[in-house]
Amino acid sequence: MDENQYHQLQYDRIDKLETKRENFSNYVLSISSAVFIVGAANPEKINLAMSFVIFVFGLCINVIGILFIKDTMPFITMHQQRARKIREEYDERFNKINDSVFNPNPQIKIFKKTYPFKRHNIYILLHWVIILFFAFIPIYACFTHNWIDKPVAVVLVK
């Protein structure tokens, strides 16, 4: 295997890892949506205990999604560093061209702190938003005085 094939192999591995990460994240988001829709379809059957179970399930599955995203990052970084090292050592012309092009570094500022606004961070943020959305279910049940035996619909009618 020559250096060009090895360089291409690193980017192929990065592509596979990113695809795997995005597919897993999409599966988690689809399951979360389905659970929420099924739970919201029968509001007369949802009580505080059931809403808490739905929240815990949504929390667990989305935390697993976040951990999977974070678990793939070191491997993607490793392949990026290998590809960069190959460019630096074996192809000076290609490395000069690559270094001369502007490298965007999108960032977002929240409460005086700057965060890199990259694809994996967007997916992590999306999972946290879904977790907060699931947390709203038991909070809503608590504020409507919906305890173990009273469904949400009965509480709303009163």
C-alpha atoms as a PDB file:
ATOM      1  CA  MET A   1       0.000   0.000   0.000  1.00  0.00           C
ATOM      2  CA  ASP A   2       1.467   3.359  -0.959  1.00  0.00           C
ATOM      3  CA  GLU A   3       0.979   6.652   0.882  1.00  0.00           C
ATOM      4  CA  ASN A   4      -1.894   7.805  -1.362  1.00  0.00           C
ATOM      5  CA  GLN A   5      -3.889   4.660  -0.665  1.00  0.00           C
ATOM      6  CA  TYR A   6      -3.141   4.927   3.049  1.00  0.00           C
ATOM      7  CA  HIS A   7      -4.227   8.579   3.012  1.00  0.00           C
ATOM      8  CA  GLN A   8      -7.476   7.653   1.259  1.00  0.00           C
ATOM      9  CA  LEU A   9      -8.005   4.773   3.692  1.00  0.00           C
ATOM     10  CA  GLN A  10      -7.950   7.234   6.619  1.00  0.00           C
ATOM     11  CA  TYR A  11     -10.681   9.344   5.028  1.00  0.00           C
ATOM     12  CA  ASP A  12     -12.716   6.240   4.234  1.00  0.00           C
ATOM     13  CA  ARG A  13     -12.518   5.230   7.891  1.00  0.00           C
ATOM     14  CA  ILE A  14     -13.544   8.740   8.972  1.00  0.00           C
ATOM     15  CA  ASP A  15     -16.515   8.554   6.598  1.00  0.00           C
ATOM     16  CA  LYS A  16     -17.594   5.175   7.974  1.00  0.00           C
ATOM     17  CA  LEU A  17     -17.327   6.348  11.580  1.00  0.00           C
ATOM     18  CA  GLU A  18     -19.292   9.532  10.881  1.00  0.00           C
ATOM     19  CA  THR A  19     -21.955   7.588   8.995  1.00  0.00           C
ATOM     20  CA  LYS A  20     -22.224   5.058  11.811  1.00  0.00           C
ATOM     21  CA  ARG A  21     -22.488   7.853  14.372  1.00  0.00           C
ATOM     22  CA  GLU A  22     -25.177   9.707  12.439  1.00  0.00           C
ATOM     23  CA  ASN A  23     -27.170   6.531  11.761  1.00  0.00           C
ATOM     24  CA  PHE A  24     -27.097   5.557  15.439  1.00  0.00           C
ATOM     25  CA  SER A  25     -28.129   9.068  16.423  1.00  0.00           C
ATOM     26  CA  ASN A  26     -30.999   8.971  13.926  1.00  0.00           C
ATOM     27  CA  TYR A  27     -32.152   5.599  15.298  1.00  0.00           C
ATOM     28  CA  VAL A  28     -32.176   7.015  18.818  1.00  0.00           C
ATOM     29  CA  LEU A  29     -34.107  10.100  17.714  1.00  0.00           C
ATOM     30  CA  SER A  30     -36.630   7.935  15.831  1.00  0.00           C
ATOM     31  CA  ILE A  31     -37.189   5.666  18.834  1.00  0.00           C
ATOM     32  CA  SER A  32     -37.512   8.721  21.089  1.00  0.00           C
ATOM     33  CA  SER A  33     -40.100  10.247  18.778  1.00  0.00           C
ATOM     34  CA  ALA A  34     -42.061   7.000  18.573  1.00  0.00           C
ATOM     35  CA  VAL A  35     -42.095   6.584  22.355  1.00  0.00           C
ATOM     36  CA  PHE A  36     -43.224  10.167  22.836  1.00  0.00           C
ATOM     37  CA  ILE A  37     -45.975   9.848  20.211  1.00  0.00           C
ATOM     38  CA  VAL A  38     -47.234   6.568  21.662  1.00  0.00           C
ATOM     39  CA  GLY A  39     -47.187   8.103  25.133  1.00  0.00           C
ATOM     40  CA  ALA A  40     -48.996  11.246  24.003  1.00  0.00           C
ATOM     41  CA  ALA A  41     -51.557   9.316  21.947  1.00  0.00           C
ATOM     42  CA  ASN A  42     -53.399   8.148  25.072  1.00  0.00           C
ATOM     43  CA  PRO A  43     -53.326  11.064  27.535  1.00  0.00           C
ATOM     44  CA  GLU A  44     -56.103   9.460  29.572  1.00  0.00           C
ATOM     45  CA  LYS A  45     -53.798   6.541  30.417  1.00  0.00           C
ATOM     46  CA  ILE A  46     -50.702   8.550  31.355  1.00  0.00           C
ATOM     47  CA  ASN A  47     -50.248   9.190  35.048  1.00  0.00           C
ATOM     48  CA  LEU A  48     -47.239  10.404  37.011  1.00  0.00           C
ATOM     49  CA  ALA A  49     -45.663   6.950  37.253  1.00  0.00           C
ATOM     50  CA  MET A  50     -46.065   6.267  33.535  1.00  0.00           C
ATOM     51  CA  SER A  51     -44.740   9.719  32.615  1.00  0.00           C
ATOM     52  CA  PHE A  52     -41.714   9.080  34.835  1.00  0.00           C
ATOM     53  CA  VAL A  53     -41.076   5.739  33.070  1.00  0.00           C
ATOM     54  CA  ILE A  54     -41.300   7.469  29.670  1.00  0.00           C
ATOM     55  CA  PHE A  55     -38.868  10.143  30.885  1.00  0.00           C
ATOM     56  CA  VAL A  56     -36.354   7.596  32.213  1.00  0.00           C
ATOM     57  CA  PHE A  57     -36.518   5.639  28.941  1.00  0.00           C
ATOM     58  CA  GLY A  58     -36.015   8.828  26.902  1.00  0.00           C
ATOM     59  CA  LEU A  59     -33.175   9.884  29.174  1.00  0.00           C
ATOM     60  CA  CYS A  60     -31.396   6.535  28.964  1.00  0.00           C
ATOM     61  CA  ILE A  61     -31.651   6.093  25.204  1.00  0.00           C
ATOM     62  CA  ASN A  62     -30.532   9.666  24.476  1.00  0.00           C
ATOM     63  CA  VAL A  63     -27.622   9.480  26.936  1.00  0.00           C
ATOM     64  CA  ILE A  64     -26.542   6.308  25.119  1.00  0.00           C
ATOM     65  CA  GLY A  65     -26.719   8.291  21.866  1.00  0.00           C
ATOM     66  CA  ILE A  66     -24.574  11.074  23.369  1.00  0.00           C
ATOM     67  CA  LEU A  67     -22.032   8.562  24.680  1.00  0.00           C
ATOM     68  CA  PHE A  68     -21.845   6.861  21.280  1.00  0.00           C
ATOM     69  CA  ILE A  69     -21.127  10.209  19.612  1.00  0.00           C
ATOM     70  CA  LYS A  70     -18.437  11.027  22.168  1.00  0.00           C
ATOM     71  CA  ASP A  71     -16.969   7.516  21.856  1.00  0.00           C
ATOM     72  CA  THR A  72     -16.360   7.873  18.106  1.00  0.00           C
ATOM     73  CA  MET A  73     -14.632  11.257  18.366  1.00  0.00           C
ATOM     74  CA  PRO A  74     -11.179   9.982  19.448  1.00  0.00           C
ATOM     75  CA  PHE A  75     -11.113   7.520  16.543  1.00  0.00           C
ATOM     76  CA  ILE A  76     -12.117  10.178  14.009  1.00  0.00           C
ATOM     77  CA  THR A  77      -9.454  12.500  15.411  1.00  0.00           C
ATOM     78  CA  MET A  78      -6.869   9.706  15.198  1.00  0.00           C
ATOM     79  CA  HIS A  79      -7.624   9.111  11.494  1.00  0.00           C
ATOM     80  CA  GLN A  80      -7.532  12.862  10.811  1.00  0.00           C
ATOM     81  CA  GLN A  81      -4.111  13.105  12.462  1.00  0.00           C
ATOM     82  CA  ARG A  82      -2.828  10.117  10.464  1.00  0.00           C
ATOM     83  CA  ALA A  83      -3.999  11.702   7.207  1.00  0.00           C
ATOM     84  CA  ARG A  84      -2.403  15.018   8.182  1.00  0.00           C
ATOM     85  CA  LYS A  85       0.866  13.267   9.050  1.00  0.00           C
ATOM     86  CA  ILE A  86       0.894  11.490   5.668  1.00  0.00           C
ATOM     87  CA  ARG A  87       0.344  14.806   3.874  1.00  0.00           C
ATOM     88  CA  GLU A  88       3.121  16.487   5.841  1.00  0.00           C
ATOM     89  CA  GLU A  89       5.688  13.744   5.242  1.00  0.00           C
ATOM     90  CA  TYR A  90       4.974  12.516   1.716  1.00  0.00           C
ATOM     91  CA  ASP A  91       3.385  15.307  -0.280  1.00  0.00           C
ATOM     92  CA  GLU A  92       4.687  18.829   0.350  1.00  0.00           C
ATOM     93  CA  ARG A  93       2.745  20.368  -2.572  1.00  0.00           C
ATOM     94  CA  PHE A  94      -0.564  18.943  -1.400  1.00  0.00           C
ATOM     95  CA  ASN A  95       0.173  20.010   2.171  1.00  0.00           C
ATOM     96  CA  LYS A  96       0.950  23.599   1.079  1.00  0.00           C
ATOM     97  CA  ILE A  97      -2.309  23.787  -0.876  1.00  0.00           C
ATOM     98  CA  ASN A  98      -4.248  22.360   2.060  1.00  0.00           C
ATOM     99  CA  ASP A  99      -2.689  24.835   4.503  1.00  0.00           C
ATOM    100  CA  SER A 100      -3.285  27.838   2.232  1.00  0.00           C
ATOM    101  CA  VAL A 101      -7.068  27.343   2.116  1.00  0.00           C
ATOM    102  CA  PHE A 102      -9.165  29.025   4.814  1.00  0.00           C
ATOM    103  CA  ASN A 103     -10.301  26.527   7.442  1.00  0.00           C
ATOM    104  CA  PRO A 104     -13.663  27.629   8.892  1.00  0.00           C
ATOM    105  CA  ASN A 105     -14.090  27.176  12.605  1.00  0.00           C
ATOM    106  CA  PRO A 106     -17.779  27.798  13.314  1.00  0.00           C
ATOM    107  CA  GLN A 107     -18.510  28.733  16.904  1.00  0.00           C
ATOM    108  CA  ILE A 108     -21.510  29.717  18.986  1.00  0.00           C
ATOM    109  CA  LYS A 109     -21.403  31.899  22.079  1.00  0.00           C
ATOM    110  CA  ILE A 110     -23.708  30.988  24.965  1.00  0.00           C
ATOM    111  CA  PHE A 111     -23.507  32.859  28.269  1.00  0.00           C
ATOM    112  CA  LYS A 112     -20.032  34.305  27.591  1.00  0.00           C
ATOM    113  CA  LYS A 113     -18.626  30.873  26.749  1.00  0.00           C
ATOM    114  CA  THR A 114     -17.673  29.896  23.198  1.00  0.00           C
ATOM    115  CA  TYR A 115     -18.473  26.405  21.919  1.00  0.00           C
ATOM    116  CA  PRO A 116     -17.288  24.845  18.673  1.00  0.00           C
ATOM    117  CA  PHE A 117     -20.310  24.507  16.408  1.00  0.00           C
ATOM    118  CA  LYS A 118     -19.422  21.263  14.675  1.00  0.00           C
ATOM    119  CA  ARG A 119     -21.678  18.476  13.473  1.00  0.00           C
ATOM    120  CA  HIS A 120     -21.131  16.185  16.449  1.00  0.00           C
ATOM    121  CA  ASN A 121     -21.888  19.033  18.864  1.00  0.00           C
ATOM    122  CA  ILE A 122     -25.134  19.741  17.017  1.00  0.00           C
ATOM    123  CA  TYR A 123     -26.160  16.093  17.431  1.00  0.00           C
ATOM    124  CA  ILE A 124     -25.275  16.171  21.138  1.00  0.00           C
ATOM    125  CA  LEU A 125     -27.273  19.381  21.584  1.00  0.00           C
ATOM    126  CA  LEU A 126     -30.225  17.789  19.799  1.00  0.00           C
ATOM    127  CA  HIS A 127     -30.128  14.800  22.159  1.00  0.00           C
ATOM    128  CA  TRP A 128     -30.104  17.140  25.171  1.00  0.00           C
ATOM    129  CA  VAL A 129     -33.111  19.026  23.776  1.00  0.00           C
ATOM    130  CA  ILE A 130     -34.969  15.716  23.386  1.00  0.00           C
ATOM    131  CA  ILE A 131     -34.072  14.804  26.996  1.00  0.00           C
ATOM    132  CA  LEU A 132     -35.484  18.137  28.178  1.00  0.00           C
ATOM    133  CA  PHE A 133     -38.590  17.506  26.095  1.00  0.00           C
ATOM    134  CA  PHE A 134     -39.050  14.129  27.801  1.00  0.00           C
ATOM    135  CA  ALA A 135     -38.475  15.794  31.198  1.00  0.00           C
ATOM    136  CA  PHE A 136     -41.466  18.021  30.509  1.00  0.00           C
ATOM    137  CA  ILE A 137     -43.855  15.045  30.684  1.00  0.00           C
ATOM    138  CA  PRO A 138     -43.506  14.244  34.424  1.00  0.00           C
ATOM    139  CA  ILE A 139     -43.216  17.950  35.242  1.00  0.00           C
ATOM    140  CA  TYR A 140     -46.494  18.560  33.433  1.00  0.00           C
ATOM    141  CA  ALA A 141     -48.053  15.628  35.287  1.00  0.00           C
ATOM    142  CA  CYS A 142     -46.861  17.013  38.652  1.00  0.00           C
ATOM    143  CA  PHE A 143     -48.208  20.501  38.017  1.00  0.00           C
ATOM    144  CA  THR A 144     -51.575  19.151  36.938  1.00  0.00           C
ATOM    145  CA  HIS A 145     -51.712  17.194  40.234  1.00  0.00           C
ATOM    146  CA  ASN A 146     -51.713  13.966  38.349  1.00  0.00           C
ATOM    147  CA  TRP A 147     -50.733  11.294  40.806  1.00  0.00           C
ATOM    148  CA  ILE A 148     -50.492   7.531  40.418  1.00  0.00           C
ATOM    149  CA  ASP A 149     -54.213   6.793  40.073  1.00  0.00           C
ATOM    150  CA  LYS A 150     -55.445   9.819  38.084  1.00  0.00           C
ATOM    151  CA  PRO A 151     -54.867  10.001  34.341  1.00  0.00           C
ATOM    152  CA  VAL A 152     -53.942  13.361  32.786  1.00  0.00           C
ATOM    153  CA  ALA A 153     -57.260  13.664  30.935  1.00  0.00           C
ATOM    154  CA  VAL A 154     -59.259  13.376  34.191  1.00  0.00           C
ATOM    155  CA  VAL A 155     -57.152  16.094  35.811  1.00  0.00           C
ATOM    156  CA  LEU A 156     -57.515  18.386  32.785  1.00  0.00           C
ATOM    157  CA  VAL A 157     -61.323  18.051  32.758  1.00  0.00           C
ATOM    158  CA  LYS A 158     -61.653  19.229  36.373  1.00  0.00           C
END
